[in-house]
N, C-alpha and C. Protein backbone atom coordinates (compact mmCIF):
# COMPACT_ATOMS: atom_id res chain seq x y z
N MET A 1 165.60 29.86 164.46
CA MET A 1 165.86 28.65 165.21
C MET A 1 167.08 28.84 166.09
N ASP A 2 166.97 28.39 167.34
CA ASP A 2 168.08 28.54 168.28
C ASP A 2 169.18 27.54 167.97
N ASN A 3 170.38 27.95 168.33
CA ASN A 3 171.53 27.05 168.21
C ASN A 3 171.38 25.95 169.25
N PRO A 4 171.48 24.67 168.84
CA PRO A 4 171.31 23.58 169.82
C PRO A 4 172.34 23.63 170.94
N TRP A 5 173.53 24.12 170.67
CA TRP A 5 174.56 24.20 171.71
C TRP A 5 174.19 25.23 172.76
N ASP A 6 173.60 26.35 172.30
CA ASP A 6 173.15 27.37 173.26
C ASP A 6 172.02 26.84 174.13
N THR A 7 171.12 26.08 173.53
CA THR A 7 170.02 25.48 174.28
C THR A 7 170.55 24.50 175.31
N MET A 8 171.52 23.68 174.91
CA MET A 8 172.11 22.71 175.83
C MET A 8 172.85 23.43 176.96
N ARG A 9 173.61 24.46 176.61
CA ARG A 9 174.35 25.22 177.61
C ARG A 9 173.40 25.86 178.63
N ALA A 10 172.29 26.41 178.14
CA ALA A 10 171.31 27.02 179.04
C ALA A 10 170.68 25.97 179.95
N ALA A 11 170.40 24.79 179.41
CA ALA A 11 169.83 23.72 180.23
C ALA A 11 170.82 23.28 181.30
N LEU A 12 172.09 23.19 180.96
CA LEU A 12 173.11 22.79 181.95
C LEU A 12 173.27 23.86 183.02
N GLN A 13 173.21 25.11 182.63
CA GLN A 13 173.30 26.20 183.62
C GLN A 13 172.11 26.16 184.57
N GLN A 14 170.93 25.87 184.02
CA GLN A 14 169.74 25.78 184.86
C GLN A 14 169.84 24.58 185.81
N ALA A 15 170.36 23.45 185.32
CA ALA A 15 170.54 22.27 186.18
C ALA A 15 171.55 22.56 187.28
N ASP A 16 172.60 23.28 186.95
CA ASP A 16 173.62 23.63 187.95
C ASP A 16 173.03 24.54 189.02
N ALA A 17 172.23 25.51 188.62
CA ALA A 17 171.58 26.40 189.58
C ALA A 17 170.61 25.63 190.47
N THR A 18 169.91 24.67 189.88
CA THR A 18 168.98 23.85 190.66
C THR A 18 169.72 23.01 191.69
N GLN A 19 170.85 22.42 191.29
CA GLN A 19 171.64 21.62 192.23
C GLN A 19 172.19 22.48 193.37
N ARG A 20 172.63 23.69 193.07
CA ARG A 20 173.10 24.59 194.14
C ARG A 20 171.97 24.91 195.11
N ALA A 21 170.77 25.13 194.59
CA ALA A 21 169.63 25.43 195.45
C ALA A 21 169.28 24.21 196.32
N VAL A 22 169.34 23.02 195.74
CA VAL A 22 169.07 21.80 196.50
C VAL A 22 170.10 21.63 197.62
N ASP A 23 171.37 21.85 197.31
CA ASP A 23 172.43 21.74 198.32
C ASP A 23 172.21 22.75 199.45
N ASP A 24 171.83 23.96 199.09
CA ASP A 24 171.59 24.99 200.10
C ASP A 24 170.40 24.59 200.99
N ASN A 25 169.35 24.08 200.38
CA ASN A 25 168.19 23.65 201.16
C ASN A 25 168.53 22.45 202.04
N ALA A 26 169.39 21.55 201.57
CA ALA A 26 169.80 20.40 202.39
C ALA A 26 170.53 20.88 203.64
N ARG A 27 171.41 21.88 203.48
CA ARG A 27 172.13 22.42 204.64
C ARG A 27 171.14 23.01 205.65
N LYS A 28 170.17 23.76 205.15
CA LYS A 28 169.20 24.39 206.04
C LYS A 28 168.33 23.34 206.74
N MET A 29 167.91 22.31 206.01
CA MET A 29 167.08 21.27 206.61
C MET A 29 167.87 20.47 207.65
N ALA A 30 169.15 20.21 207.38
CA ALA A 30 169.97 19.46 208.33
C ALA A 30 170.10 20.24 209.64
N GLN A 31 170.24 21.55 209.55
CA GLN A 31 170.31 22.37 210.77
C GLN A 31 169.01 22.29 211.55
N MET A 32 167.89 22.18 210.85
CA MET A 32 166.60 22.09 211.53
C MET A 32 166.39 20.72 212.18
N LEU A 33 167.08 19.69 211.69
CA LEU A 33 166.91 18.34 212.22
C LEU A 33 167.57 18.14 213.58
N VAL A 34 168.59 18.92 213.86
CA VAL A 34 169.31 18.75 215.12
C VAL A 34 168.33 18.92 216.27
N GLY A 35 168.24 17.89 217.11
CA GLY A 35 167.35 17.93 218.25
C GLY A 35 165.93 17.45 217.96
N ARG A 36 165.65 17.14 216.69
CA ARG A 36 164.30 16.73 216.32
C ARG A 36 164.27 15.35 215.66
N LEU A 37 165.35 14.61 215.75
CA LEU A 37 165.43 13.31 215.06
C LEU A 37 164.47 12.28 215.64
N ARG A 38 164.02 12.46 216.86
CA ARG A 38 163.07 11.50 217.45
C ARG A 38 161.72 11.54 216.74
N LYS A 39 161.47 12.58 215.99
CA LYS A 39 160.21 12.72 215.26
C LYS A 39 160.29 12.09 213.86
N VAL A 40 161.49 11.69 213.43
CA VAL A 40 161.69 11.15 212.09
C VAL A 40 161.41 9.65 212.09
N ASP A 41 160.78 9.16 211.00
CA ASP A 41 160.44 7.74 210.96
C ASP A 41 161.72 6.88 210.88
N VAL A 42 161.61 5.64 211.31
CA VAL A 42 162.78 4.78 211.47
C VAL A 42 163.46 4.48 210.14
N TYR A 43 162.72 4.40 209.05
CA TYR A 43 163.33 4.10 207.76
C TYR A 43 164.21 5.25 207.28
N THR A 44 163.75 6.47 207.51
CA THR A 44 164.55 7.63 207.16
C THR A 44 165.78 7.72 208.06
N LEU A 45 165.61 7.44 209.35
CA LEU A 45 166.76 7.44 210.27
C LEU A 45 167.80 6.40 209.85
N LYS A 46 167.33 5.23 209.44
CA LYS A 46 168.24 4.18 208.99
C LYS A 46 169.03 4.65 207.77
N ALA A 47 168.36 5.30 206.81
CA ALA A 47 169.03 5.81 205.62
C ALA A 47 170.04 6.90 205.97
N LEU A 48 169.66 7.78 206.91
CA LEU A 48 170.58 8.83 207.35
C LEU A 48 171.81 8.23 208.02
N LYS A 49 171.59 7.25 208.88
CA LYS A 49 172.70 6.62 209.59
C LYS A 49 173.65 5.95 208.59
N HIS A 50 173.09 5.29 207.60
CA HIS A 50 173.93 4.63 206.58
C HIS A 50 174.75 5.67 205.82
N GLU A 51 174.14 6.78 205.47
CA GLU A 51 174.85 7.84 204.75
C GLU A 51 175.94 8.47 205.62
N LEU A 52 175.65 8.66 206.90
CA LEU A 52 176.62 9.30 207.80
C LEU A 52 177.81 8.40 208.13
N GLN A 53 177.68 7.10 207.91
CA GLN A 53 178.82 6.21 208.12
C GLN A 53 179.94 6.52 207.12
N LYS A 54 179.60 7.20 206.05
CA LYS A 54 180.59 7.57 205.03
C LYS A 54 181.32 8.87 205.39
N PHE A 55 180.98 9.43 206.54
CA PHE A 55 181.60 10.70 206.97
C PHE A 55 182.55 10.44 208.13
N ASP A 56 183.76 10.96 208.02
CA ASP A 56 184.76 10.84 209.09
C ASP A 56 184.74 12.13 209.90
N ALA A 57 184.22 12.07 211.11
CA ALA A 57 184.07 13.27 211.94
C ALA A 57 185.41 13.82 212.41
N VAL A 58 186.43 12.96 212.49
CA VAL A 58 187.76 13.43 212.93
C VAL A 58 188.40 14.30 211.87
N THR A 59 188.39 13.82 210.62
CA THR A 59 189.01 14.59 209.53
C THR A 59 188.04 15.58 208.90
N ARG A 60 186.74 15.43 209.24
CA ARG A 60 185.69 16.27 208.69
C ARG A 60 185.61 16.15 207.17
N ARG A 61 185.81 14.93 206.68
CA ARG A 61 185.75 14.68 205.24
C ARG A 61 184.91 13.45 204.96
N TRP A 62 184.36 13.41 203.77
CA TRP A 62 183.60 12.25 203.34
C TRP A 62 184.57 11.19 202.84
N LYS A 63 184.32 9.95 203.20
CA LYS A 63 185.15 8.85 202.73
C LYS A 63 184.80 8.57 201.28
N PRO A 64 185.79 8.12 200.51
CA PRO A 64 185.53 7.82 199.08
C PRO A 64 184.60 6.65 198.89
């Protein structure tokens, strides 16, 4: 029988690797969106605009 702590640690490592892959894919998809936003549906554009309001382009940081 496996140690439950080892199983939990392995699951957390797998979740961390998955999150890194998701972040990497988000960066790649965002680069592909530049110049193609007119093809995106209005509800997605509204959600993107709302999310981007939390970003300060001058300081290049996300607002808390």
